[in-house]
């Protein structure tokens, strides 16, 4: 009986050692993975900061153009480059491995502006309402990108969160900017 007590105690001790041996490395691996994820989020956030700065510059350059006038040959290359830049920024901001991120309304506004630019480049003359709508979209895009810069200028993790967290203040900023008349 005493021998059985020692044997069962020994087995329990070994079982605890095995559990500790399995759990401790797993916990350490989880911590390492969490650290790697955090580093990746900060790197992605840094890219978001860069893309938004480019978005501000692109929108400002497009706002400087008079879309009431037919496109001139000398402006065609510039508008085409800015249109391509807008597409590239949208693609980088809103798609990671074919998954759409937050702010679908913002993305929709970017696509609407891209459609206008494509039509303009093909020689379509816009009505005053269409020009006003295009400029409204460009202003909204510019101010959204500026708000993003204000929220996440110096913090890459905040930049990542602004694009991925549905509870982030950026969600309300996007809604506000898209509903504001400029």
C-alpha atoms as a PDB file:
ATOM      1  CA  UNK A   1       0.000   0.000   0.000  1.00  0.00           C
ATOM      2  CA  UNK A   2       2.793   2.405   0.925  1.00  0.00           C
ATOM      3  CA  UNK A   3       4.598   1.424  -2.232  1.00  0.00           C
ATOM      4  CA  UNK A   4       1.488   2.233  -4.300  1.00  0.00           C
ATOM      5  CA  UNK A   5       1.343   5.646  -2.636  1.00  0.00           C
ATOM      6  CA  UNK A   6       4.950   6.400  -3.654  1.00  0.00           C
ATOM      7  CA  UNK A   7       4.441   5.095  -7.186  1.00  0.00           C
ATOM      8  CA  UNK A   8       1.278   7.150  -7.690  1.00  0.00           C
ATOM      9  CA  UNK A   9       3.037  10.219  -6.243  1.00  0.00           C
ATOM     10  CA  UNK A  10       5.954   9.634  -8.600  1.00  0.00           C
ATOM     11  CA  UNK A  11       3.589   9.320 -11.597  1.00  0.00           C
ATOM     12  CA  UNK A  12       1.752  12.516 -10.599  1.00  0.00           C
ATOM     13  CA  UNK A  13       5.115  14.288 -10.264  1.00  0.00           C
ATOM     14  CA  UNK A  14       6.208  13.136 -13.716  1.00  0.00           C
ATOM     15  CA  UNK A  15       2.841  14.156 -15.182  1.00  0.00           C
ATOM     16  CA  UNK A  16       3.218  17.643 -13.703  1.00  0.00           C
ATOM     17  CA  UNK A  17       6.741  17.904 -15.106  1.00  0.00           C
ATOM     18  CA  UNK A  18       5.487  16.892 -18.553  1.00  0.00           C
ATOM     19  CA  UNK A  19       2.637  19.413 -18.397  1.00  0.00           C
ATOM     20  CA  UNK A  20       5.064  22.147 -17.341  1.00  0.00           C
ATOM     21  CA  UNK A  21       7.501  21.068 -20.044  1.00  0.00           C
ATOM     22  CA  UNK A  22       4.735  21.324 -22.674  1.00  0.00           C
ATOM     23  CA  UNK A  23       2.976  24.475 -21.414  1.00  0.00           C
ATOM     24  CA  UNK A  24       5.995  26.657 -20.692  1.00  0.00           C
ATOM     25  CA  UNK A  25       7.481  26.512 -24.221  1.00  0.00           C
ATOM     26  CA  UNK A  26       4.012  27.007 -25.709  1.00  0.00           C
ATOM     27  CA  UNK A  27       3.517  30.108 -23.570  1.00  0.00           C
ATOM     28  CA  UNK A  28       6.905  31.415 -24.659  1.00  0.00           C
ATOM     29  CA  UNK A  29       6.054  30.719 -28.305  1.00  0.00           C
ATOM     30  CA  UNK A  30       2.764  32.597 -27.911  1.00  0.00           C
ATOM     31  CA  UNK A  31       4.651  35.574 -26.475  1.00  0.00           C
ATOM     32  CA  UNK A  32       7.133  35.475 -29.362  1.00  0.00           C
ATOM     33  CA  UNK A  33       4.304  35.290 -31.911  1.00  0.00           C
ATOM     34  CA  UNK A  34       2.492  38.188 -30.262  1.00  0.00           C
ATOM     35  CA  UNK A  35       5.694  40.230 -30.445  1.00  0.00           C
ATOM     36  CA  UNK A  36       6.127  39.380 -34.134  1.00  0.00           C
ATOM     37  CA  UNK A  37       2.499  40.315 -34.851  1.00  0.00           C
ATOM     38  CA  UNK A  38       2.996  43.627 -33.068  1.00  0.00           C
ATOM     39  CA  UNK A  39       6.105  44.363 -35.145  1.00  0.00           C
ATOM     40  CA  UNK A  40       4.252  43.504 -38.365  1.00  0.00           C
ATOM     41  CA  UNK A  41       1.299  45.699 -37.376  1.00  0.00           C
ATOM     42  CA  UNK A  42       3.671  48.612 -36.773  1.00  0.00           C
ATOM     43  CA  UNK A  43       5.354  48.051 -40.150  1.00  0.00           C
ATOM     44  CA  UNK A  44       1.983  47.946 -41.905  1.00  0.00           C
ATOM     45  CA  UNK A  45       0.933  51.051 -39.952  1.00  0.00           C
ATOM     46  CA  UNK A  46       4.032  52.842 -41.252  1.00  0.00           C
ATOM     47  CA  UNK A  47       2.977  51.992 -44.800  1.00  0.00           C
ATOM     48  CA  UNK A  48      -0.525  53.333 -44.079  1.00  0.00           C
ATOM     49  CA  UNK A  49       1.029  56.596 -42.905  1.00  0.00           C
ATOM     50  CA  UNK A  50       3.015  56.888 -46.133  1.00  0.00           C
ATOM     51  CA  UNK A  51       0.015  56.052 -48.338  1.00  0.00           C
ATOM     52  CA  UNK A  52      -2.160  58.627 -46.604  1.00  0.00           C
ATOM     53  CA  UNK A  53       0.463  61.323 -47.041  1.00  0.00           C
ATOM     54  CA  UNK A  54       0.603  60.440 -50.742  1.00  0.00           C
ATOM     55  CA  UNK A  55      -3.196  60.550 -50.835  1.00  0.00           C
ATOM     56  CA  UNK A  56      -3.232  64.099 -49.447  1.00  0.00           C
ATOM     57  CA  UNK A  57      -0.704  65.220 -52.063  1.00  0.00           C
ATOM     58  CA  UNK A  58      -2.528  63.490 -54.928  1.00  0.00           C
ATOM     59  CA  UNK A  59      -5.915  64.952 -53.938  1.00  0.00           C
ATOM     60  CA  UNK A  60      -4.405  68.443 -53.636  1.00  0.00           C
ATOM     61  CA  UNK A  61      -2.840  68.206 -57.096  1.00  0.00           C
ATOM     62  CA  UNK A  62      -6.136  67.051 -58.590  1.00  0.00           C
ATOM     63  CA  UNK A  63      -8.046  69.821 -56.801  1.00  0.00           C
ATOM     64  CA  UNK A  64      -5.739  72.360 -58.459  1.00  0.00           C
ATOM     65  CA  UNK A  65      -6.982  71.256 -61.887  1.00  0.00           C
ATOM     66  CA  UNK A  66     -10.046  72.869 -63.480  1.00  0.00           C
ATOM     67  CA  UNK A  67     -12.324  69.995 -64.475  1.00  0.00           C
ATOM     68  CA  UNK A  68     -14.829  72.475 -65.943  1.00  0.00           C
ATOM     69  CA  UNK A  69     -12.546  72.728 -68.967  1.00  0.00           C
ATOM     70  CA  UNK A  70     -11.959  69.940 -71.481  1.00  0.00           C
ATOM     71  CA  UNK A  71      -8.718  68.096 -70.906  1.00  0.00           C
ATOM     72  CA  UNK A  72      -5.744  69.665 -72.619  1.00  0.00           C
ATOM     73  CA  UNK A  73      -3.022  67.583 -74.227  1.00  0.00           C
ATOM     74  CA  UNK A  74      -0.408  69.026 -71.875  1.00  0.00           C
ATOM     75  CA  UNK A  75      -2.501  68.059 -68.817  1.00  0.00           C
ATOM     76  CA  UNK A  76      -3.409  64.574 -69.982  1.00  0.00           C
ATOM     77  CA  UNK A  77      -0.213  62.861 -68.785  1.00  0.00           C
ATOM     78  CA  UNK A  78      -0.373  64.572 -65.369  1.00  0.00           C
ATOM     79  CA  UNK A  79      -4.033  63.615 -64.821  1.00  0.00           C
ATOM     80  CA  UNK A  80      -3.328  60.055 -65.949  1.00  0.00           C
ATOM     81  CA  UNK A  81      -0.377  59.756 -63.552  1.00  0.00           C
ATOM     82  CA  UNK A  82      -2.437  61.150 -60.673  1.00  0.00           C
ATOM     83  CA  UNK A  83      -5.308  58.804 -61.540  1.00  0.00           C
ATOM     84  CA  UNK A  84      -2.909  55.839 -61.524  1.00  0.00           C
ATOM     85  CA  UNK A  85      -1.454  57.042 -58.216  1.00  0.00           C
ATOM     86  CA  UNK A  86      -4.945  57.248 -56.730  1.00  0.00           C
ATOM     87  CA  UNK A  87      -5.685  53.687 -57.860  1.00  0.00           C
ATOM     88  CA  UNK A  88      -2.374  52.432 -56.469  1.00  0.00           C
ATOM     89  CA  UNK A  89      -2.936  54.111 -53.104  1.00  0.00           C
ATOM     90  CA  UNK A  90      -6.476  52.715 -52.858  1.00  0.00           C
ATOM     91  CA  UNK A  91      -5.228  49.248 -53.696  1.00  0.00           C
ATOM     92  CA  UNK A  92      -2.508  49.432 -51.024  1.00  0.00           C
ATOM     93  CA  UNK A  93      -4.710  51.011 -48.362  1.00  0.00           C
ATOM     94  CA  UNK A  94      -7.711  48.764 -48.601  1.00  0.00           C
ATOM     95  CA  UNK A  95      -6.511  45.332 -49.681  1.00  0.00           C
ATOM     96  CA  UNK A  96      -4.256  42.971 -47.794  1.00  0.00           C
ATOM     97  CA  UNK A  97      -4.149  39.493 -49.306  1.00  0.00           C
ATOM     98  CA  UNK A  98      -7.446  40.140 -51.119  1.00  0.00           C
ATOM     99  CA  UNK A  99      -9.292  41.036 -47.919  1.00  0.00           C
ATOM    100  CA  UNK A 100     -11.115  44.342 -47.796  1.00  0.00           C
ATOM    101  CA  UNK A 101     -10.327  46.358 -44.680  1.00  0.00           C
ATOM    102  CA  UNK A 102     -12.359  48.943 -42.778  1.00  0.00           C
ATOM    103  CA  UNK A 103     -13.767  52.123 -44.289  1.00  0.00           C
ATOM    104  CA  UNK A 104     -15.618  50.775 -47.319  1.00  0.00           C
ATOM    105  CA  UNK A 105     -17.342  54.174 -47.711  1.00  0.00           C
ATOM    106  CA  UNK A 106     -13.966  55.855 -48.042  1.00  0.00           C
ATOM    107  CA  UNK A 107     -12.906  53.271 -50.601  1.00  0.00           C
ATOM    108  CA  UNK A 108     -16.178  53.782 -52.511  1.00  0.00           C
ATOM    109  CA  UNK A 109     -15.473  57.515 -52.687  1.00  0.00           C
ATOM    110  CA  UNK A 110     -11.983  56.843 -54.041  1.00  0.00           C
ATOM    111  CA  UNK A 111     -13.437  54.537 -56.722  1.00  0.00           C
ATOM    112  CA  UNK A 112     -16.017  57.168 -57.645  1.00  0.00           C
ATOM    113  CA  UNK A 113     -13.277  59.761 -58.135  1.00  0.00           C
ATOM    114  CA  UNK A 114     -11.289  57.238 -60.179  1.00  0.00           C
ATOM    115  CA  UNK A 115     -14.333  56.709 -62.458  1.00  0.00           C
ATOM    116  CA  UNK A 116     -14.648  60.444 -62.962  1.00  0.00           C
ATOM    117  CA  UNK A 117     -10.965  60.700 -63.843  1.00  0.00           C
ATOM    118  CA  UNK A 118     -11.240  57.813 -66.305  1.00  0.00           C
ATOM    119  CA  UNK A 119     -14.173  59.525 -68.013  1.00  0.00           C
ATOM    120  CA  UNK A 120     -12.329  62.839 -68.057  1.00  0.00           C
ATOM    121  CA  UNK A 121      -9.264  61.224 -69.615  1.00  0.00           C
ATOM    122  CA  UNK A 122     -11.466  59.676 -72.311  1.00  0.00           C
ATOM    123  CA  UNK A 123     -12.664  63.156 -73.306  1.00  0.00           C
ATOM    124  CA  UNK A 124     -16.004  63.357 -71.520  1.00  0.00           C
ATOM    125  CA  UNK A 125     -17.020  66.924 -70.626  1.00  0.00           C
ATOM    126  CA  UNK A 126     -18.573  67.237 -67.192  1.00  0.00           C
ATOM    127  CA  UNK A 127     -21.628  69.184 -66.157  1.00  0.00           C
ATOM    128  CA  UNK A 128     -21.294  71.666 -63.302  1.00  0.00           C
ATOM    129  CA  UNK A 129     -22.919  69.119 -60.982  1.00  0.00           C
ATOM    130  CA  UNK A 130     -20.437  66.423 -61.967  1.00  0.00           C
ATOM    131  CA  UNK A 131     -17.498  68.794 -61.437  1.00  0.00           C
ATOM    132  CA  UNK A 132     -18.944  69.760 -58.054  1.00  0.00           C
ATOM    133  CA  UNK A 133     -19.348  66.063 -57.165  1.00  0.00           C
ATOM    134  CA  UNK A 134     -15.771  65.269 -58.262  1.00  0.00           C
ATOM    135  CA  UNK A 135     -14.382  68.187 -56.260  1.00  0.00           C
ATOM    136  CA  UNK A 136     -16.551  67.199 -53.268  1.00  0.00           C
ATOM    137  CA  UNK A 137     -15.065  63.704 -53.413  1.00  0.00           C
ATOM    138  CA  UNK A 138     -11.514  65.021 -53.715  1.00  0.00           C
ATOM    139  CA  UNK A 139     -12.000  67.357 -50.742  1.00  0.00           C
ATOM    140  CA  UNK A 140     -13.484  64.553 -48.635  1.00  0.00           C
ATOM    141  CA  UNK A 141     -10.608  62.211 -49.560  1.00  0.00           C
ATOM    142  CA  UNK A 142      -8.056  64.894 -48.764  1.00  0.00           C
ATOM    143  CA  UNK A 143      -9.580  65.718 -45.378  1.00  0.00           C
ATOM    144  CA  UNK A 144      -9.983  62.045 -44.438  1.00  0.00           C
ATOM    145  CA  UNK A 145      -6.312  61.462 -45.204  1.00  0.00           C
ATOM    146  CA  UNK A 146      -5.381  64.582 -43.215  1.00  0.00           C
ATOM    147  CA  UNK A 147      -7.478  63.358 -40.267  1.00  0.00           C
ATOM    148  CA  UNK A 148      -5.695  60.030 -40.495  1.00  0.00           C
ATOM    149  CA  UNK A 149      -2.380  61.897 -40.324  1.00  0.00           C
ATOM    150  CA  UNK A 150      -3.553  63.830 -37.271  1.00  0.00           C
ATOM    151  CA  UNK A 151      -4.633  60.651 -35.502  1.00  0.00           C
ATOM    152  CA  UNK A 152      -1.653  58.494 -36.427  1.00  0.00           C
ATOM    153  CA  UNK A 153       1.172  60.779 -37.517  1.00  0.00           C
ATOM    154  CA  UNK A 154       3.738  59.593 -34.988  1.00  0.00           C
ATOM    155  CA  UNK A 155       2.319  56.245 -33.950  1.00  0.00           C
ATOM    156  CA  UNK A 156       2.463  53.379 -36.418  1.00  0.00           C
ATOM    157  CA  UNK A 157       0.354  51.143 -34.169  1.00  0.00           C
ATOM    158  CA  UNK A 158      -2.359  53.826 -34.144  1.00  0.00           C
ATOM    159  CA  UNK A 159      -2.151  53.932 -37.955  1.00  0.00           C
ATOM    160  CA  UNK A 160      -2.686  50.175 -38.100  1.00  0.00           C
ATOM    161  CA  UNK A 161      -5.561  50.353 -35.624  1.00  0.00           C
ATOM    162  CA  UNK A 162      -7.187  53.205 -37.566  1.00  0.00           C
ATOM    163  CA  UNK A 163      -7.463  50.937 -40.598  1.00  0.00           C
ATOM    164  CA  UNK A 164      -8.416  47.690 -38.829  1.00  0.00           C
ATOM    165  CA  UNK A 165     -10.407  48.530 -35.679  1.00  0.00           C
ATOM    166  CA  UNK A 166     -14.115  49.155 -36.188  1.00  0.00           C
ATOM    167  CA  UNK A 167     -14.222  50.912 -32.796  1.00  0.00           C
ATOM    168  CA  UNK A 168     -11.440  53.374 -33.732  1.00  0.00           C
ATOM    169  CA  UNK A 169     -12.157  57.129 -33.867  1.00  0.00           C
ATOM    170  CA  UNK A 170     -11.192  57.083 -37.545  1.00  0.00           C
ATOM    171  CA  UNK A 171     -14.472  55.330 -38.385  1.00  0.00           C
ATOM    172  CA  UNK A 172     -16.446  58.358 -37.196  1.00  0.00           C
ATOM    173  CA  UNK A 173     -14.024  60.781 -38.884  1.00  0.00           C
ATOM    174  CA  UNK A 174     -14.562  59.051 -42.230  1.00  0.00           C
ATOM    175  CA  UNK A 175     -18.349  59.188 -41.839  1.00  0.00           C
ATOM    176  CA  UNK A 176     -18.169  62.861 -40.850  1.00  0.00           C
ATOM    177  CA  UNK A 177     -15.910  63.856 -43.742  1.00  0.00           C
ATOM    178  CA  UNK A 178     -18.007  62.004 -46.311  1.00  0.00           C
ATOM    179  CA  UNK A 179     -21.192  63.700 -45.073  1.00  0.00           C
ATOM    180  CA  UNK A 180     -19.699  67.216 -44.959  1.00  0.00           C
ATOM    181  CA  UNK A 181     -20.230  69.563 -47.916  1.00  0.00           C
ATOM    182  CA  UNK A 182     -17.102  71.370 -49.080  1.00  0.00           C
END
